[in-house]
């Protein structure tokens, strides 16, 4: 499955860079397992290791949508909501608004 994001200005370029940065942060992994992931998430809430486990990669898309995020497995509603919260945070200071659609 994929989540397709359409950005609305004023600065789409800043929005795309913010989404790339978000995907880099979600890609962090720690080799010690779920307990360490939970501790890290509590100590530093900006690191969401749980969502990162389920999200594959993101890329800029030319066409109807501006950015595509691929899921490693079919996401639950809670996982999609967690991703939306992370996107909200990433785009907060860019001035961009967005719409998101998740489909196969």
N, C-alpha and C. Protein backbone atom coordinates (compact mmCIF):
# COMPACT_ATOMS: atom_id res chain seq x y z
N UNK A 1 0.85 -1.18 0.00
CA UNK A 1 0.00 0.00 0.00
C UNK A 1 0.89 1.24 0.00
N UNK A 2 0.29 2.32 -0.43
CA UNK A 2 1.01 3.59 -0.48
C UNK A 2 0.11 4.72 0.04
N UNK A 3 0.76 5.69 0.64
CA UNK A 3 0.08 6.93 1.03
C UNK A 3 0.57 8.02 0.10
N UNK A 4 -0.37 8.64 -0.60
CA UNK A 4 -0.05 9.69 -1.58
C UNK A 4 -0.35 11.04 -0.96
N UNK A 5 0.61 11.95 -1.05
CA UNK A 5 0.48 13.27 -0.44
C UNK A 5 0.49 14.34 -1.51
N UNK A 6 -0.49 15.21 -1.47
CA UNK A 6 -0.56 16.37 -2.36
C UNK A 6 -0.30 17.60 -1.51
N UNK A 7 0.74 18.36 -1.85
CA UNK A 7 1.10 19.57 -1.11
C UNK A 7 0.48 20.80 -1.77
N UNK A 8 0.10 21.76 -0.93
CA UNK A 8 -0.43 23.03 -1.40
C UNK A 8 0.44 24.13 -0.80
N UNK A 9 0.92 25.05 -1.63
CA UNK A 9 1.89 26.09 -1.28
C UNK A 9 1.63 26.79 0.03
N UNK A 10 2.42 27.75 0.35
CA UNK A 10 3.21 28.59 -0.54
C UNK A 10 4.58 28.02 -0.89
N UNK A 11 5.18 27.16 -0.12
CA UNK A 11 6.50 26.66 -0.46
C UNK A 11 6.51 25.14 -0.54
N UNK A 12 6.18 24.63 -1.69
CA UNK A 12 6.13 23.19 -1.88
C UNK A 12 7.53 22.59 -1.74
N UNK A 13 8.54 23.32 -2.18
CA UNK A 13 9.91 22.82 -2.06
C UNK A 13 10.28 22.58 -0.59
N UNK A 14 9.96 23.52 0.28
CA UNK A 14 10.23 23.31 1.72
C UNK A 14 9.45 22.12 2.25
N UNK A 15 8.23 21.95 1.78
CA UNK A 15 7.42 20.82 2.20
C UNK A 15 8.04 19.49 1.77
N UNK A 16 8.54 19.42 0.55
CA UNK A 16 9.17 18.20 0.06
C UNK A 16 10.43 17.88 0.86
N UNK A 17 11.21 18.91 1.17
CA UNK A 17 12.41 18.70 1.98
C UNK A 17 12.05 18.23 3.38
N UNK A 18 10.98 18.78 3.94
CA UNK A 18 10.53 18.37 5.28
C UNK A 18 10.08 16.92 5.27
N UNK A 19 9.40 16.49 4.20
CA UNK A 19 8.96 15.10 4.11
C UNK A 19 10.16 14.16 3.95
N UNK A 20 11.15 14.57 3.16
CA UNK A 20 12.36 13.76 3.04
C UNK A 20 13.05 13.61 4.40
N UNK A 21 13.12 14.70 5.14
CA UNK A 21 13.73 14.68 6.47
C UNK A 21 12.95 13.76 7.41
N UNK A 22 11.63 13.82 7.32
CA UNK A 22 10.78 12.94 8.13
C UNK A 22 11.08 11.48 7.82
N UNK A 23 11.19 11.15 6.55
CA UNK A 23 11.45 9.76 6.17
C UNK A 23 12.81 9.30 6.68
N UNK A 24 13.79 10.18 6.69
CA UNK A 24 15.11 9.82 7.24
C UNK A 24 15.00 9.53 8.73
N UNK A 25 14.22 10.34 9.45
CA UNK A 25 14.06 10.11 10.89
C UNK A 25 13.30 8.82 11.16
N UNK A 26 12.32 8.51 10.34
CA UNK A 26 11.54 7.28 10.54
C UNK A 26 12.38 6.05 10.23
N UNK A 27 13.42 6.22 9.44
CA UNK A 27 14.25 5.09 9.04
C UNK A 27 15.26 4.68 10.11
N UNK A 28 15.34 5.43 11.20
CA UNK A 28 16.27 5.08 12.28
C UNK A 28 15.90 3.72 12.86
N UNK A 29 16.90 2.94 13.14
CA UNK A 29 16.63 1.65 13.77
C UNK A 29 17.64 1.41 14.89
N UNK A 30 17.20 0.71 15.89
CA UNK A 30 18.05 0.37 17.02
C UNK A 30 18.00 -1.14 17.18
N UNK A 31 19.13 -1.75 17.40
CA UNK A 31 19.23 -3.20 17.38
C UNK A 31 18.79 -3.89 18.66
N UNK A 32 18.38 -3.15 19.67
CA UNK A 32 18.07 -3.77 20.95
C UNK A 32 16.61 -4.15 21.14
N UNK A 33 15.76 -3.90 20.19
CA UNK A 33 14.40 -4.39 20.26
C UNK A 33 13.36 -3.41 20.75
N UNK A 34 12.19 -3.95 21.04
CA UNK A 34 11.02 -3.15 21.38
C UNK A 34 11.15 -2.37 22.68
N UNK A 35 11.82 -2.92 23.67
CA UNK A 35 11.95 -2.23 24.96
C UNK A 35 12.75 -0.95 24.78
N UNK A 36 13.87 -1.03 24.06
CA UNK A 36 14.68 0.16 23.81
C UNK A 36 13.90 1.15 22.95
N UNK A 37 13.17 0.66 21.97
CA UNK A 37 12.36 1.54 21.12
C UNK A 37 11.34 2.30 21.97
N UNK A 38 10.72 1.62 22.92
CA UNK A 38 9.74 2.27 23.79
C UNK A 38 10.42 3.33 24.67
N UNK A 39 11.56 3.00 25.25
CA UNK A 39 12.27 3.95 26.10
C UNK A 39 12.69 5.18 25.30
N UNK A 40 13.22 4.96 24.10
CA UNK A 40 13.64 6.08 23.25
C UNK A 40 12.45 6.95 22.91
N UNK A 41 11.31 6.35 22.59
CA UNK A 41 10.12 7.12 22.24
C UNK A 41 9.60 7.94 23.42
N UNK A 42 9.76 7.43 24.63
CA UNK A 42 9.32 8.16 25.83
C UNK A 42 10.28 9.32 26.11
N UNK A 43 11.57 9.05 26.03
CA UNK A 43 12.58 10.07 26.33
C UNK A 43 12.60 11.15 25.24
N UNK A 44 12.49 10.75 23.99
CA UNK A 44 12.53 11.69 22.86
C UNK A 44 11.32 11.44 21.97
N UNK A 45 10.17 12.09 22.26
CA UNK A 45 8.93 11.82 21.53
C UNK A 45 9.01 12.10 20.03
N UNK A 46 9.99 12.89 19.59
CA UNK A 46 10.08 13.17 18.16
C UNK A 46 10.55 11.95 17.37
N UNK A 47 11.09 10.95 18.07
CA UNK A 47 11.50 9.72 17.41
C UNK A 47 10.38 8.70 17.55
N UNK A 48 9.78 8.33 16.46
CA UNK A 48 8.67 7.38 16.46
C UNK A 48 9.14 6.10 15.78
N UNK A 49 9.74 5.21 16.54
CA UNK A 49 10.29 4.00 15.97
C UNK A 49 9.20 3.02 15.55
N UNK A 50 8.05 3.11 16.16
CA UNK A 50 6.97 2.17 15.83
C UNK A 50 6.44 2.41 14.42
N UNK A 51 6.19 3.68 14.07
CA UNK A 51 5.72 3.98 12.72
C UNK A 51 6.80 3.64 11.71
N UNK A 52 8.06 3.94 12.04
CA UNK A 52 9.17 3.69 11.13
C UNK A 52 9.32 2.23 10.75
N UNK A 53 8.92 1.32 11.64
CA UNK A 53 9.00 -0.11 11.33
C UNK A 53 8.09 -0.49 10.18
N UNK A 54 6.98 0.20 10.03
CA UNK A 54 5.97 -0.18 9.05
C UNK A 54 6.05 0.60 7.75
N UNK A 55 6.78 1.71 7.78
CA UNK A 55 6.89 2.54 6.60
C UNK A 55 8.16 2.17 5.86
N UNK A 56 8.03 1.95 4.55
CA UNK A 56 9.18 1.58 3.75
C UNK A 56 10.01 2.78 3.38
N UNK A 57 9.67 3.41 2.28
CA UNK A 57 10.44 4.56 1.82
C UNK A 57 9.49 5.61 1.28
N UNK A 58 10.01 6.81 1.13
CA UNK A 58 9.23 7.90 0.57
C UNK A 58 9.99 8.50 -0.59
N UNK A 59 9.25 9.06 -1.53
CA UNK A 59 9.91 9.66 -2.68
C UNK A 59 9.03 10.76 -3.27
N UNK A 60 9.70 11.70 -3.91
CA UNK A 60 9.00 12.76 -4.62
C UNK A 60 8.37 12.14 -5.86
N UNK A 61 7.16 12.52 -6.15
CA UNK A 61 6.41 11.96 -7.27
C UNK A 61 6.05 13.09 -8.23
N UNK A 62 6.22 12.86 -9.49
CA UNK A 62 5.81 13.83 -10.51
C UNK A 62 4.44 13.40 -11.00
N UNK A 63 3.48 14.31 -10.96
CA UNK A 63 2.15 13.98 -11.43
C UNK A 63 1.07 14.50 -10.49
N UNK A 64 0.05 13.69 -10.30
CA UNK A 64 -1.09 14.10 -9.50
C UNK A 64 -0.74 14.36 -8.04
N UNK A 65 0.18 13.55 -7.49
CA UNK A 65 0.61 13.71 -6.10
C UNK A 65 2.06 14.16 -6.07
N UNK A 66 2.45 14.81 -4.97
CA UNK A 66 3.80 15.33 -4.85
C UNK A 66 4.76 14.39 -4.13
N UNK A 67 4.22 13.51 -3.28
CA UNK A 67 5.09 12.64 -2.48
C UNK A 67 4.36 11.33 -2.23
N UNK A 68 5.11 10.24 -2.25
CA UNK A 68 4.53 8.92 -2.02
C UNK A 68 5.31 8.23 -0.90
N UNK A 69 4.58 7.67 0.04
CA UNK A 69 5.19 6.89 1.12
C UNK A 69 4.69 5.46 0.98
N UNK A 70 5.63 4.54 0.87
CA UNK A 70 5.28 3.12 0.70
C UNK A 70 5.27 2.43 2.06
N UNK A 71 4.27 1.59 2.25
CA UNK A 71 4.15 0.81 3.48
C UNK A 71 4.74 -0.58 3.25
N UNK A 72 5.40 -1.14 4.25
CA UNK A 72 5.96 -2.48 4.15
C UNK A 72 4.87 -3.54 4.23
N UNK A 73 3.81 -3.22 4.95
CA UNK A 73 2.67 -4.12 5.10
C UNK A 73 1.41 -3.27 5.16
N UNK A 74 0.28 -3.90 5.07
CA UNK A 74 -0.99 -3.18 5.11
C UNK A 74 -1.13 -2.46 6.46
N UNK A 75 -1.25 -1.12 6.46
CA UNK A 75 -1.30 -0.38 7.72
C UNK A 75 -2.67 -0.46 8.39
N UNK A 76 -2.65 -0.37 9.71
CA UNK A 76 -3.90 -0.26 10.45
C UNK A 76 -4.30 1.22 10.47
N UNK A 77 -5.51 1.47 10.90
CA UNK A 77 -5.98 2.85 11.01
C UNK A 77 -5.10 3.65 11.96
N UNK A 78 -4.69 3.04 13.07
CA UNK A 78 -3.84 3.72 14.05
C UNK A 78 -2.48 4.07 13.45
N UNK A 79 -1.91 3.19 12.63
CA UNK A 79 -0.62 3.46 12.00
C UNK A 79 -0.73 4.62 11.00
N UNK A 80 -1.83 4.68 10.28
CA UNK A 80 -2.05 5.79 9.34
C UNK A 80 -2.19 7.10 10.12
N UNK A 81 -2.94 7.06 11.23
CA UNK A 81 -3.09 8.26 12.05
C UNK A 81 -1.74 8.71 12.63
N UNK A 82 -0.89 7.73 13.03
CA UNK A 82 0.43 8.07 13.55
C UNK A 82 1.27 8.74 12.46
N UNK A 83 1.20 8.24 11.24
CA UNK A 83 1.92 8.85 10.13
C UNK A 83 1.41 10.26 9.87
N UNK A 84 0.11 10.46 9.92
CA UNK A 84 -0.47 11.79 9.70
C UNK A 84 0.01 12.76 10.77
N UNK A 85 0.08 12.32 12.03
CA UNK A 85 0.62 13.19 13.08
C UNK A 85 2.06 13.59 12.79
N UNK A 86 2.86 12.64 12.32
CA UNK A 86 4.25 12.93 12.00
C UNK A 86 4.36 13.89 10.81
N UNK A 87 3.50 13.74 9.83
CA UNK A 87 3.50 14.66 8.68
C UNK A 87 3.08 16.05 9.14
N UNK A 88 2.07 16.13 10.00
CA UNK A 88 1.64 17.43 10.55
C UNK A 88 2.82 18.14 11.21
N UNK A 89 3.58 17.40 12.03
CA UNK A 89 4.74 17.99 12.71
C UNK A 89 5.81 18.42 11.71
N UNK A 90 6.05 17.58 10.70
CA UNK A 90 7.11 17.89 9.73
C UNK A 90 6.78 19.13 8.91
N UNK A 91 5.52 19.33 8.59
CA UNK A 91 5.13 20.45 7.73
C UNK A 91 4.72 21.70 8.50
N UNK A 92 4.75 21.64 9.82
CA UNK A 92 4.24 22.73 10.66
C UNK A 92 4.81 24.09 10.30
N UNK A 93 6.12 24.19 10.14
CA UNK A 93 6.75 25.49 9.91
C UNK A 93 7.08 25.76 8.44
N UNK A 94 6.59 24.93 7.55
CA UNK A 94 6.86 25.15 6.12
C UNK A 94 5.81 26.03 5.46
N UNK A 95 4.66 26.16 6.08
CA UNK A 95 3.56 26.91 5.47
C UNK A 95 2.73 26.05 4.53
N UNK A 96 3.13 24.82 4.30
CA UNK A 96 2.41 23.93 3.38
C UNK A 96 1.20 23.31 4.06
N UNK A 97 0.19 23.14 3.26
CA UNK A 97 -0.96 22.33 3.65
C UNK A 97 -0.91 21.11 2.76
N UNK A 98 -1.63 20.08 3.14
CA UNK A 98 -1.57 18.86 2.34
C UNK A 98 -2.86 18.06 2.44
N UNK A 99 -3.00 17.15 1.49
CA UNK A 99 -4.04 16.13 1.59
C UNK A 99 -3.33 14.80 1.43
N UNK A 100 -3.91 13.77 2.02
CA UNK A 100 -3.28 12.45 1.97
C UNK A 100 -4.34 11.40 1.64
N UNK A 101 -3.95 10.46 0.80
CA UNK A 101 -4.81 9.34 0.40
C UNK A 101 -3.98 8.09 0.52
N UNK A 102 -4.51 7.07 1.20
CA UNK A 102 -3.81 5.79 1.30
C UNK A 102 -4.61 4.76 0.53
N UNK A 103 -3.94 4.11 -0.43
CA UNK A 103 -4.62 3.11 -1.25
C UNK A 103 -3.61 2.14 -1.81
N UNK A 104 -4.11 1.06 -2.40
CA UNK A 104 -3.23 0.03 -2.99
C UNK A 104 -2.85 0.41 -4.38
